[in-house]
Amino acid sequence: MSNCVIFSLPGNEVMANSLINLMHGEPGEAVIRHFPDGETYVKVDSNVYEKEAFIVCSLHNPDEKILPLYFLAKTLKEFRAHPVTLITPYLAYMRQDKRFINGECISSDLFARLLSSFIDKLITIDPHLHRHTSLDEIYSIHTAVLHVSHLISKWINENVQQPVLIGPDSESEQWVSKVAADANAPYIILEKIRKGDRNVRVSVPHVEKYKEYIPVLVDDIISTAHTMLETIGHLKKAAMKPPVCIGIHAVFADKAYVKLLKAGAEKVVTCNTITHPSNAICVDEVLAGEVCKNSFVD
């Protein structure tokens, strides 16, 4: 693409360089660092006058990234870049989408308003939409939501013999069934009761039918992994083969990655929406394709 400059926030350089190559874009030069007192310093060295600027920043651990992102985007706008598009493979603050207890902040709405105030367009992958049916309900800017279930199916086809997919809950069934269909595999859905962030009880129905299959546990986000961990326990009791755990977003809170391997997972695989050693499924071409087909228009 001509007339576009691609910047990255620290920690996103690998994906940004890949997108630069795929999109034939110009590398964006900027300095983002901290003063000795901890305040953020940003300096844009590239000429962005009347060019489209892209910022690559996966918003895992968003609190430490949002201010540098704000400073960079606003500075690009001051130097007449337009539009400024955020490519954020993982979009944070989607969990708290209602007031569960009186006095709570509905952070998904407020975060959306904040990003919409300084970004013109946003591209993300499989955000954790729960009570919202689309990002348009909370974002006032152009948004594109990309899906990578086909990439997960492809990886399963190429790497797992005789898989049976296991989805985390009834809400995931539509997505899991599509992954399973594309992978030519059967699937089952966990029966789950969630009593809190770290208190989940699950059962695996009809597991006895799949003794000779390799269980593939799939979810959009692997955070604390409590559901997967409990599922692995049930699979062990049922004398099933060691499972493969697959997630789109590798959040891995509370050392969840290590816990999954210690619990008996044969392999843990994620997409590279968040940089992690488990990354085995690359989403770069999906992101570049969305930009290069010019689906975003003012």
C-alpha atoms as a PDB file:
ATOM      1  CA  MET A   1       0.000   0.000   0.000  1.00  0.00           C
ATOM      2  CA  SER A   2       1.289   3.436  -0.877  1.00  0.00           C
ATOM      3  CA  ASN A   3       1.047   6.452   1.387  1.00  0.00           C
ATOM      4  CA  CYS A   4       0.808   4.519   4.657  1.00  0.00           C
ATOM      5  CA  VAL A   5       3.166   4.483   7.617  1.00  0.00           C
ATOM      6  CA  ILE A   6       3.131   1.666  10.170  1.00  0.00           C
ATOM      7  CA  PHE A   7       4.189   2.298  13.764  1.00  0.00           C
ATOM      8  CA  SER A   8       4.383  -0.064  16.705  1.00  0.00           C
ATOM      9  CA  LEU A   9       4.317   0.353  20.424  1.00  0.00           C
ATOM     10  CA  PRO A  10       7.179  -1.376  22.262  1.00  0.00           C
ATOM     11  CA  GLY A  11       6.661  -5.136  22.316  1.00  0.00           C
ATOM     12  CA  ASN A  12       4.777  -5.191  19.006  1.00  0.00           C
ATOM     13  CA  GLU A  13       7.753  -4.852  16.661  1.00  0.00           C
ATOM     14  CA  VAL A  14       7.659  -8.409  15.270  1.00  0.00           C
ATOM     15  CA  MET A  15       4.065  -8.165  14.102  1.00  0.00           C
ATOM     16  CA  ALA A  16       4.551  -4.594  12.877  1.00  0.00           C
ATOM     17  CA  ASN A  17       7.535  -5.633  10.733  1.00  0.00           C
ATOM     18  CA  SER A  18       5.529  -8.537   9.326  1.00  0.00           C
ATOM     19  CA  LEU A  19       2.648  -6.213   8.413  1.00  0.00           C
ATOM     20  CA  ILE A  20       5.057  -3.726   6.841  1.00  0.00           C
ATOM     21  CA  ASN A  21       6.286  -6.493   4.536  1.00  0.00           C
ATOM     22  CA  LEU A  22       2.821  -7.855   3.789  1.00  0.00           C
ATOM     23  CA  MET A  23       1.278  -4.416   3.197  1.00  0.00           C
ATOM     24  CA  HIS A  24       4.337  -2.907   1.483  1.00  0.00           C
ATOM     25  CA  GLY A  25       4.069  -0.054   3.940  1.00  0.00           C
ATOM     26  CA  GLU A  26       6.609   2.441   5.202  1.00  0.00           C
ATOM     27  CA  PRO A  27       8.153   1.706   8.621  1.00  0.00           C
ATOM     28  CA  GLY A  28       7.158   4.340  11.123  1.00  0.00           C
ATOM     29  CA  GLU A  29       9.997   5.822  13.133  1.00  0.00           C
ATOM     30  CA  ALA A  30       9.148   6.995  16.641  1.00  0.00           C
ATOM     31  CA  VAL A  31      10.800   7.185  20.042  1.00  0.00           C
ATOM     32  CA  ILE A  32       8.695   5.934  22.962  1.00  0.00           C
ATOM     33  CA  ARG A  33      10.431   5.815  26.317  1.00  0.00           C
ATOM     34  CA  HIS A  34      10.144   6.949  29.917  1.00  0.00           C
ATOM     35  CA  PHE A  35      11.698   9.856  31.741  1.00  0.00           C
ATOM     36  CA  PRO A  36      13.542   8.985  34.991  1.00  0.00           C
ATOM     37  CA  ASP A  37      10.412   9.921  36.941  1.00  0.00           C
ATOM     38  CA  GLY A  38       8.336   7.381  34.989  1.00  0.00           C
ATOM     39  CA  GLU A  39       6.479   9.803  32.717  1.00  0.00           C
ATOM     40  CA  THR A  40       6.150   8.827  29.048  1.00  0.00           C
ATOM     41  CA  TYR A  41       8.132  10.527  26.278  1.00  0.00           C
ATOM     42  CA  VAL A  42       6.985  10.244  22.631  1.00  0.00           C
ATOM     43  CA  LYS A  43       8.656  11.679  19.510  1.00  0.00           C
ATOM     44  CA  VAL A  44       7.562  10.989  15.909  1.00  0.00           C
ATOM     45  CA  ASP A  45      10.496  11.006  13.467  1.00  0.00           C
ATOM     46  CA  SER A  46       8.661   9.926  10.287  1.00  0.00           C
ATOM     47  CA  ASN A  47       6.966  12.323   7.893  1.00  0.00           C
ATOM     48  CA  VAL A  48       3.264  11.502   8.222  1.00  0.00           C
ATOM     49  CA  TYR A  49       1.806  14.585   6.534  1.00  0.00           C
ATOM     50  CA  GLU A  50      -1.403  13.537   4.726  1.00  0.00           C
ATOM     51  CA  LYS A  51      -0.497   9.863   5.080  1.00  0.00           C
ATOM     52  CA  GLU A  52      -2.519   7.080   6.675  1.00  0.00           C
ATOM     53  CA  ALA A  53      -0.905   6.001   9.931  1.00  0.00           C
ATOM     54  CA  PHE A  54      -1.287   2.551  11.442  1.00  0.00           C
ATOM     55  CA  ILE A  55      -0.372   1.786  15.033  1.00  0.00           C
ATOM     56  CA  VAL A  56       0.196  -1.875  15.898  1.00  0.00           C
ATOM     57  CA  CYS A  57      -0.503  -2.500  19.566  1.00  0.00           C
ATOM     58  CA  SER A  58      -2.020  -5.605  21.116  1.00  0.00           C
ATOM     59  CA  LEU A  59      -3.754  -4.384  24.261  1.00  0.00           C
ATOM     60  CA  HIS A  60      -2.750  -7.129  26.666  1.00  0.00           C
ATOM     61  CA  ASN A  61      -1.873  -5.434  29.972  1.00  0.00           C
ATOM     62  CA  PRO A  62      -3.635  -2.317  28.663  1.00  0.00           C
ATOM     63  CA  ASP A  63      -3.062   0.014  31.603  1.00  0.00           C
ATOM     64  CA  GLU A  64       0.649   0.338  30.850  1.00  0.00           C
ATOM     65  CA  LYS A  65       0.034   0.890  27.120  1.00  0.00           C
ATOM     66  CA  ILE A  66      -2.930   3.222  26.907  1.00  0.00           C
ATOM     67  CA  LEU A  67      -1.094   6.482  27.725  1.00  0.00           C
ATOM     68  CA  PRO A  68       1.807   5.918  25.256  1.00  0.00           C
ATOM     69  CA  LEU A  69      -0.810   4.921  22.672  1.00  0.00           C
ATOM     70  CA  TYR A  70      -2.783   8.097  23.348  1.00  0.00           C
ATOM     71  CA  PHE A  71       0.316  10.298  23.111  1.00  0.00           C
ATOM     72  CA  LEU A  72       1.455   8.651  19.851  1.00  0.00           C
ATOM     73  CA  ALA A  73      -1.941   8.823  18.158  1.00  0.00           C
ATOM     74  CA  LYS A  74      -2.541  12.445  19.128  1.00  0.00           C
ATOM     75  CA  THR A  75       0.958  13.441  17.970  1.00  0.00           C
ATOM     76  CA  LEU A  76       0.410  11.717  14.613  1.00  0.00           C
ATOM     77  CA  LYS A  77      -2.804  13.687  14.209  1.00  0.00           C
ATOM     78  CA  GLU A  78      -1.024  16.952  15.075  1.00  0.00           C
ATOM     79  CA  PHE A  79       1.395  16.254  12.226  1.00  0.00           C
ATOM     80  CA  ARG A  80      -1.575  15.734   9.879  1.00  0.00           C
ATOM     81  CA  ALA A  81      -1.678  11.959   9.597  1.00  0.00           C
ATOM     82  CA  HIS A  82      -5.166  10.865   8.584  1.00  0.00           C
ATOM     83  CA  PRO A  83      -6.724   8.539   9.360  1.00  0.00           C
ATOM     84  CA  VAL A  84      -4.985   6.990  12.352  1.00  0.00           C
ATOM     85  CA  THR A  85      -5.874   3.298  12.515  1.00  0.00           C
ATOM     86  CA  LEU A  86      -5.212   1.071  15.505  1.00  0.00           C
ATOM     87  CA  ILE A  87      -4.405  -2.551  14.680  1.00  0.00           C
ATOM     88  CA  THR A  88      -4.971  -4.293  17.998  1.00  0.00           C
ATOM     89  CA  PRO A  89      -5.096  -8.079  17.617  1.00  0.00           C
ATOM     90  CA  TYR A  90      -6.228  -8.399  21.235  1.00  0.00           C
ATOM     91  CA  LEU A  91      -8.758  -5.835  22.454  1.00  0.00           C
ATOM     92  CA  ALA A  92      -8.899  -5.394  26.213  1.00  0.00           C
ATOM     93  CA  TYR A  93     -11.661  -4.283  28.576  1.00  0.00           C
ATOM     94  CA  MET A  94     -14.461  -6.380  27.132  1.00  0.00           C
ATOM     95  CA  ARG A  95     -15.243  -8.335  30.320  1.00  0.00           C
ATOM     96  CA  GLN A  96     -17.008  -5.739  32.499  1.00  0.00           C
ATOM     97  CA  ASP A  97     -19.931  -4.961  30.192  1.00  0.00           C
ATOM     98  CA  LYS A  98     -22.597  -4.445  32.835  1.00  0.00           C
ATOM     99  CA  ARG A  99     -22.911  -3.284  36.427  1.00  0.00           C
ATOM    100  CA  PHE A 100     -23.037  -6.546  38.371  1.00  0.00           C
ATOM    101  CA  ILE A 101     -22.857  -4.811  41.766  1.00  0.00           C
ATOM    102  CA  ASN A 102     -24.090  -1.321  42.591  1.00  0.00           C
ATOM    103  CA  GLY A 103     -21.244   1.185  42.268  1.00  0.00           C
ATOM    104  CA  GLU A 104     -19.184  -0.783  39.741  1.00  0.00           C
ATOM    105  CA  CYS A 105     -17.610   0.915  36.720  1.00  0.00           C
ATOM    106  CA  ILE A 106     -18.784  -0.424  33.342  1.00  0.00           C
ATOM    107  CA  SER A 107     -15.237  -0.383  32.008  1.00  0.00           C
ATOM    108  CA  SER A 108     -15.962  -1.812  28.542  1.00  0.00           C
ATOM    109  CA  ASP A 109     -18.092   1.231  27.695  1.00  0.00           C
ATOM    110  CA  LEU A 110     -15.661   3.771  29.138  1.00  0.00           C
ATOM    111  CA  PHE A 111     -12.627   2.185  27.481  1.00  0.00           C
ATOM    112  CA  ALA A 112     -14.460   2.217  24.147  1.00  0.00           C
ATOM    113  CA  ARG A 113     -15.231   5.916  24.563  1.00  0.00           C
ATOM    114  CA  LEU A 114     -11.599   6.605  25.423  1.00  0.00           C
ATOM    115  CA  LEU A 115     -10.191   4.821  22.362  1.00  0.00           C
ATOM    116  CA  SER A 116     -12.853   6.365  20.133  1.00  0.00           C
ATOM    117  CA  SER A 117     -11.749   9.843  21.266  1.00  0.00           C
ATOM    118  CA  PHE A 118      -8.276   9.622  19.709  1.00  0.00           C
ATOM    119  CA  ILE A 119      -8.345   6.748  17.159  1.00  0.00           C
ATOM    120  CA  ASP A 120     -10.155   7.003  13.814  1.00  0.00           C
ATOM    121  CA  LYS A 121     -10.413   3.307  12.966  1.00  0.00           C
ATOM    122  CA  LEU A 122      -9.852   0.041  14.796  1.00  0.00           C
ATOM    123  CA  ILE A 123      -9.085  -3.479  13.592  1.00  0.00           C
ATOM    124  CA  THR A 124      -9.172  -6.395  16.024  1.00  0.00           C
ATOM    125  CA  ILE A 125      -9.508 -10.176  16.132  1.00  0.00           C
ATOM    126  CA  ASP A 126     -12.302 -12.094  17.866  1.00  0.00           C
ATOM    127  CA  PRO A 127     -12.983  -9.719  20.758  1.00  0.00           C
ATOM    128  CA  HIS A 128     -14.724 -11.263  23.747  1.00  0.00           C
ATOM    129  CA  LEU A 129     -18.222 -10.019  22.962  1.00  0.00           C
ATOM    130  CA  HIS A 130     -20.554 -11.224  25.659  1.00  0.00           C
ATOM    131  CA  ARG A 131     -23.602  -9.053  26.242  1.00  0.00           C
ATOM    132  CA  HIS A 132     -22.777  -6.813  23.267  1.00  0.00           C
ATOM    133  CA  THR A 133     -23.579  -8.166  19.825  1.00  0.00           C
ATOM    134  CA  SER A 134     -21.015  -5.936  18.085  1.00  0.00           C
ATOM    135  CA  LEU A 135     -18.349  -3.353  18.835  1.00  0.00           C
ATOM    136  CA  ASP A 136     -20.560  -0.739  17.199  1.00  0.00           C
ATOM    137  CA  GLU A 137     -22.698  -0.730  20.324  1.00  0.00           C
ATOM    138  CA  ILE A 138     -19.905   0.863  22.347  1.00  0.00           C
ATOM    139  CA  TYR A 139     -17.393   2.257  19.804  1.00  0.00           C
ATOM    140  CA  SER A 140     -18.233   5.408  17.854  1.00  0.00           C
ATOM    141  CA  ILE A 141     -15.476   4.888  15.251  1.00  0.00           C
ATOM    142  CA  HIS A 142     -15.069   2.537  12.290  1.00  0.00           C
ATOM    143  CA  THR A 143     -14.333  -0.968  13.581  1.00  0.00           C
ATOM    144  CA  ALA A 144     -13.489  -4.225  11.826  1.00  0.00           C
ATOM    145  CA  VAL A 145     -13.765  -7.507  13.709  1.00  0.00           C
ATOM    146  CA  LEU A 146     -11.832 -10.331  12.080  1.00  0.00           C
ATOM    147  CA  HIS A 147     -12.291 -14.038  12.818  1.00  0.00           C
ATOM    148  CA  VAL A 148      -9.629 -16.734  12.788  1.00  0.00           C
ATOM    149  CA  SER A 149     -11.593 -19.933  13.414  1.00  0.00           C
ATOM    150  CA  HIS A 150     -10.520 -21.174   9.978  1.00  0.00           C
ATOM    151  CA  LEU A 151      -6.860 -20.856  10.997  1.00  0.00           C
ATOM    152  CA  ILE A 152      -7.506 -22.932  14.118  1.00  0.00           C
ATOM    153  CA  SER A 153      -9.295 -25.574  12.038  1.00  0.00           C
ATOM    154  CA  LYS A 154      -6.377 -25.645   9.610  1.00  0.00           C
ATOM    155  CA  TRP A 155      -3.889 -26.128  12.444  1.00  0.00           C
ATOM    156  CA  ILE A 156      -5.966 -28.971  13.898  1.00  0.00           C
ATOM    157  CA  ASN A 157      -6.229 -30.642  10.481  1.00  0.00           C
ATOM    158  CA  GLU A 158      -2.467 -30.495  10.031  1.00  0.00           C
ATOM    159  CA  ASN A 159      -1.367 -31.403  13.558  1.00  0.00           C
ATOM    160  CA  VAL A 160      -3.942 -33.566  15.373  1.00  0.00           C
ATOM    161  CA  GLN A 161      -4.995 -37.045  14.337  1.00  0.00           C
ATOM    162  CA  GLN A 162      -8.595 -38.019  15.129  1.00  0.00           C
ATOM    163  CA  PRO A 163      -9.510 -34.953  17.220  1.00  0.00           C
ATOM    164  CA  VAL A 164     -12.672 -34.339  19.219  1.00  0.00           C
ATOM    165  CA  LEU A 165     -13.203 -30.681  20.027  1.00  0.00           C
ATOM    166  CA  ILE A 166     -14.398 -29.631  23.474  1.00  0.00           C
ATOM    167  CA  GLY A 167     -15.998 -26.211  23.890  1.00  0.00           C
ATOM    168  CA  PRO A 168     -16.102 -24.337  27.224  1.00  0.00           C
ATOM    169  CA  ASP A 169     -19.823 -23.532  27.481  1.00  0.00           C
ATOM    170  CA  SER A 170     -23.112 -23.251  25.625  1.00  0.00           C
ATOM    171  CA  GLU A 171     -22.315 -19.689  24.529  1.00  0.00           C
ATOM    172  CA  SER A 172     -19.309 -21.000  22.597  1.00  0.00           C
ATOM    173  CA  GLU A 173     -21.196 -23.726  20.742  1.00  0.00           C
ATOM    174  CA  GLN A 174     -21.769 -21.793  17.514  1.00  0.00           C
ATOM    175  CA  TRP A 175     -18.076 -20.926  17.260  1.00  0.00           C
ATOM    176  CA  VAL A 176     -16.810 -24.352  18.343  1.00  0.00           C
ATOM    177  CA  SER A 177     -19.152 -26.138  15.957  1.00  0.00           C
ATOM    178  CA  LYS A 178     -17.756 -24.102  13.064  1.00  0.00           C
ATOM    179  CA  VAL A 179     -14.155 -24.899  14.029  1.00  0.00           C
ATOM    180  CA  ALA A 180     -15.099 -28.572  14.310  1.00  0.00           C
ATOM    181  CA  ALA A 181     -16.909 -28.625  10.980  1.00  0.00           C
ATOM    182  CA  ASP A 182     -13.966 -27.024   9.176  1.00  0.00           C
ATOM    183  CA  ALA A 183     -11.630 -29.506  10.865  1.00  0.00           C
ATOM    184  CA  ASN A 184     -13.904 -32.457   9.962  1.00  0.00           C
ATOM    185  CA  ALA A 185     -14.119 -33.381  13.630  1.00  0.00           C
ATOM    186  CA  PRO A 186     -16.880 -34.093  16.177  1.00  0.00           C
ATOM    187  CA  TYR A 187     -17.353 -31.790  19.151  1.00  0.00           C
ATOM    188  CA  ILE A 188     -18.888 -31.739  22.612  1.00  0.00           C
ATOM    189  CA  ILE A 189     -19.733 -28.786  24.849  1.00  0.00           C
ATOM    190  CA  LEU A 190     -18.921 -28.644  28.554  1.00  0.00           C
ATOM    191  CA  GLU A 191     -21.683 -28.269  31.066  1.00  0.00           C
ATOM    192  CA  LYS A 192     -20.339 -25.442  33.240  1.00  0.00           C
ATOM    193  CA  ILE A 193     -21.409 -23.614  36.382  1.00  0.00           C
ATOM    194  CA  ARG A 194     -19.382 -20.476  37.152  1.00  0.00           C
ATOM    195  CA  LYS A 195     -19.469 -19.373  40.781  1.00  0.00           C
ATOM    196  CA  GLY A 196     -16.813 -16.643  40.422  1.00  0.00           C
ATOM    197  CA  ASP A 197     -13.699 -15.605  38.477  1.00  0.00           C
ATOM    198  CA  ARG A 198     -11.733 -18.528  39.951  1.00  0.00           C
ATOM    199  CA  ASN A 199     -14.521 -20.925  40.876  1.00  0.00           C
ATOM    200  CA  VAL A 200     -15.840 -22.949  37.947  1.00  0.00           C
ATOM    201  CA  ARG A 201     -17.373 -26.423  37.988  1.00  0.00           C
ATOM    202  CA  VAL A 202     -17.557 -28.386  34.747  1.00  0.00           C
ATOM    203  CA  SER A 203     -18.608 -31.800  33.484  1.00  0.00           C
ATOM    204  CA  VAL A 204     -17.824 -33.435  30.143  1.00  0.00           C
ATOM    205  CA  PRO A 205     -20.929 -35.106  28.684  1.00  0.00           C
ATOM    206  CA  HIS A 206     -20.725 -38.256  26.557  1.00  0.00           C
ATOM    207  CA  VAL A 207     -16.949 -38.405  26.892  1.00  0.00           C
ATOM    208  CA  GLU A 208     -17.019 -42.217  26.882  1.00  0.00           C
ATOM    209  CA  LYS A 209     -17.828 -42.147  23.144  1.00  0.00           C
ATOM    210  CA  TYR A 210     -14.439 -40.667  22.302  1.00  0.00           C
ATOM    211  CA  LYS A 211     -11.903 -42.867  24.101  1.00  0.00           C
ATOM    212  CA  GLU A 212      -9.785 -43.234  20.966  1.00  0.00           C
ATOM    213  CA  TYR A 213      -9.873 -39.538  20.060  1.00  0.00           C
ATOM    214  CA  ILE A 214      -7.442 -36.786  21.023  1.00  0.00           C
ATOM    215  CA  PRO A 215      -9.355 -34.140  23.015  1.00  0.00           C
ATOM    216  CA  VAL A 216      -8.845 -30.594  21.725  1.00  0.00           C
ATOM    217  CA  LEU A 217      -9.965 -27.955  24.205  1.00  0.00           C
ATOM    218  CA  VAL A 218     -10.732 -24.686  22.417  1.00  0.00           C
ATOM    219  CA  ASP A 219     -11.602 -21.222  23.723  1.00  0.00           C
ATOM    220  CA  ASP A 220     -11.274 -17.651  22.523  1.00  0.00           C
ATOM    221  CA  ILE A 221      -9.253 -16.471  25.548  1.00  0.00           C
ATOM    222  CA  ILE A 222      -7.089 -18.535  27.878  1.00  0.00           C
ATOM    223  CA  SER A 223      -6.900 -16.373  30.988  1.00  0.00           C
ATOM    224  CA  THR A 224      -6.794 -18.195  34.334  1.00  0.00           C
ATOM    225  CA  ALA A 225      -7.525 -21.467  32.453  1.00  0.00           C
ATOM    226  CA  HIS A 226      -9.582 -22.788  35.362  1.00  0.00           C
ATOM    227  CA  THR A 227     -12.179 -24.321  33.036  1.00  0.00           C
ATOM    228  CA  MET A 228      -9.501 -26.055  30.952  1.00  0.00           C
ATOM    229  CA  LEU A 229      -7.692 -27.258  34.073  1.00  0.00           C
ATOM    230  CA  GLU A 230     -10.823 -28.791  35.543  1.00  0.00           C
ATOM    231  CA  THR A 231     -11.671 -30.329  32.169  1.00  0.00           C
ATOM    232  CA  ILE A 232      -8.246 -31.955  31.999  1.00  0.00           C
ATOM    233  CA  GLY A 233      -8.989 -33.501  35.391  1.00  0.00           C
ATOM    234  CA  HIS A 234     -12.255 -34.954  34.113  1.00  0.00           C
ATOM    235  CA  LEU A 235     -10.554 -36.292  30.989  1.00  0.00           C
ATOM    236  CA  LYS A 236      -7.909 -38.007  33.105  1.00  0.00           C
ATOM    237  CA  LYS A 237     -10.586 -39.675  35.242  1.00  0.00           C
ATOM    238  CA  ALA A 238     -12.273 -40.886  32.050  1.00  0.00           C
ATOM    239  CA  ALA A 239      -8.939 -42.335  30.814  1.00  0.00           C
ATOM    240  CA  MET A 240      -8.925 -40.061  27.779  1.00  0.00           C
ATOM    241  CA  LYS A 241      -5.747 -39.248  25.880  1.00  0.00           C
ATOM    242  CA  PRO A 242      -3.762 -36.121  26.920  1.00  0.00           C
ATOM    243  CA  PRO A 243      -5.511 -33.074  25.422  1.00  0.00           C
ATOM    244  CA  VAL A 244      -4.351 -30.287  23.186  1.00  0.00           C
ATOM    245  CA  CYS A 245      -5.427 -26.839  24.466  1.00  0.00           C
ATOM    246  CA  ILE A 246      -6.007 -24.109  21.886  1.00  0.00           C
ATOM    247  CA  GLY A 247      -6.873 -20.464  22.464  1.00  0.00           C
ATOM    248  CA  ILE A 248      -6.935 -17.395  20.274  1.00  0.00           C
ATOM    249  CA  HIS A 249      -5.639 -14.954  22.891  1.00  0.00           C
ATOM    250  CA  ALA A 250      -2.775 -16.015  25.196  1.00  0.00           C
ATOM    251  CA  VAL A 251      -3.588 -13.978  28.309  1.00  0.00           C
ATOM    252  CA  PHE A 252      -2.357 -16.709  30.715  1.00  0.00           C
ATOM    253  CA  ALA A 253      -2.988 -15.043  34.080  1.00  0.00           C
ATOM    254  CA  ASP A 254      -1.700 -16.648  37.294  1.00  0.00           C
ATOM    255  CA  LYS A 255       0.865 -18.832  35.457  1.00  0.00           C
ATOM    256  CA  ALA A 256      -1.945 -20.590  33.620  1.00  0.00           C
ATOM    257  CA  TYR A 257       0.333 -21.796  30.808  1.00  0.00           C
ATOM    258  CA  VAL A 258       2.609 -23.688  33.184  1.00  0.00           C
ATOM    259  CA  LYS A 259      -0.394 -25.039  35.102  1.00  0.00           C
ATOM    260  CA  LEU A 260      -1.928 -26.470  31.927  1.00  0.00           C
ATOM    261  CA  LEU A 261       1.249 -28.321  31.015  1.00  0.00           C
ATOM    262  CA  LYS A 262       1.707 -29.609  34.561  1.00  0.00           C
ATOM    263  CA  ALA A 263      -1.931 -30.737  34.634  1.00  0.00           C
ATOM    264  CA  GLY A 264      -1.321 -33.009  31.673  1.00  0.00           C
ATOM    265  CA  ALA A 265      -1.958 -31.036  28.482  1.00  0.00           C
ATOM    266  CA  GLU A 266      -0.018 -32.557  25.617  1.00  0.00           C
ATOM    267  CA  LYS A 267       0.385 -29.158  23.994  1.00  0.00           C
ATOM    268  CA  VAL A 268      -0.864 -25.588  24.458  1.00  0.00           C
ATOM    269  CA  VAL A 269      -1.313 -23.597  21.250  1.00  0.00           C
ATOM    270  CA  THR A 270      -2.371 -19.998  20.678  1.00  0.00           C
ATOM    271  CA  CYS A 271      -2.584 -17.408  17.941  1.00  0.00           C
ATOM    272  CA  ASN A 272       0.004 -14.642  17.914  1.00  0.00           C
ATOM    273  CA  THR A 273      -2.475 -11.923  18.917  1.00  0.00           C
ATOM    274  CA  ILE A 274      -0.463 -11.712  22.163  1.00  0.00           C
ATOM    275  CA  THR A 275       3.213 -12.623  21.938  1.00  0.00           C
ATOM    276  CA  HIS A 276       3.871 -15.851  23.868  1.00  0.00           C
ATOM    277  CA  PRO A 277       5.957 -19.038  23.465  1.00  0.00           C
ATOM    278  CA  SER A 278       2.727 -20.953  22.750  1.00  0.00           C
ATOM    279  CA  ASN A 279       2.094 -18.957  19.545  1.00  0.00           C
ATOM    280  CA  ALA A 280       1.755 -21.425  16.656  1.00  0.00           C
ATOM    281  CA  ILE A 281      -1.046 -19.884  14.587  1.00  0.00           C
ATOM    282  CA  CYS A 282      -0.161 -16.691  12.712  1.00  0.00           C
ATOM    283  CA  VAL A 283      -2.838 -14.041  12.137  1.00  0.00           C
ATOM    284  CA  ASP A 284      -0.641 -11.520  10.292  1.00  0.00           C
ATOM    285  CA  GLU A 285      -2.005 -12.267   6.824  1.00  0.00           C
ATOM    286  CA  VAL A 286      -5.589 -11.948   8.038  1.00  0.00           C
ATOM    287  CA  LEU A 287      -4.827  -8.485   9.439  1.00  0.00           C
ATOM    288  CA  ALA A 288      -2.902  -7.358   6.362  1.00  0.00           C
ATOM    289  CA  GLY A 289      -5.626  -8.665   4.064  1.00  0.00           C
ATOM    290  CA  GLU A 290      -8.265  -6.610   5.876  1.00  0.00           C
ATOM    291  CA  VAL A 291      -6.239  -3.424   5.398  1.00  0.00           C
ATOM    292  CA  CYS A 292      -5.175  -4.092   1.815  1.00  0.00           C
ATOM    293  CA  LYS A 293      -8.669  -4.790   0.527  1.00  0.00           C
ATOM    294  CA  ASN A 294      -9.601  -1.226   1.536  1.00  0.00           C
ATOM    295  CA  SER A 295     -12.666  -2.320   3.436  1.00  0.00           C
ATOM    296  CA  PHE A 296     -12.390   0.805   5.606  1.00  0.00           C
ATOM    297  CA  VAL A 297     -13.800   3.851   3.913  1.00  0.00           C
ATOM    298  CA  ASP A 298     -14.756   7.198   5.336  1.00  0.00           C
END
